[in-house]
Amino acid sequence: MSRSGRCMLALLAAVATIAACTSHEGSVPHALAGRRLANLETGEAAEREITRLHGRPVAAAEHLIAGYGDPATITLYVSRYPSEDAARADLLAMSTAMADGVGPFAPIEFDGTAGGVRFRTTGLGLAHLFYRVGRAVVWLQTPAADLDAAAADLDAFGVEPLSGG
């Protein structure tokens, strides 16, 4: 391949990468608890990380992982499912498995602050909040002192962008 052909191929690959990242830019908040969005993983990279964390593949159609701060101290995981029923079933399975604590996590606690079914836990030196919005399961991981502020920012962001609707 000629040098100009290689350059054009490299340029197209860069444009495709930028387009993939920016196409999800409005899917997550630009800031949580005063920390700016620093990175956003989507596609295969996000799927690999979610699979690694669960120790098995997760049957979601799409995954997003957003890091906030520099260095990233807040992480937002969003797994979008083909339907609300599929997301609800996965949240039920996860909360049932974690009810008494599993692995590095403390037993979960019900969180009724936003009027929905949400769960809190601690583990790995961090606080965690997880719940379903539409067809998405959301997991927010923060330092304990930042959980309420980050959750409030996430609630203010709204359901539709997180759910992919």
Foldseek 3Di string as FASTA:
>chain_A
DDPVVVVVVVVVVVVVVVCVQVVLVLLADQAFLPWGWDDKDWDPVQQVVVCVVVVHGDQAPIWMWIFTHVVGQKIKIKGFHPFLVSQVVVVVVVLVVQQCHDDFKHHWDFDCPVPDTKIWIDGPQWIWIWDDFTRMIMIMTHHPVRVVRRVVVRVVSDRCSRNVD
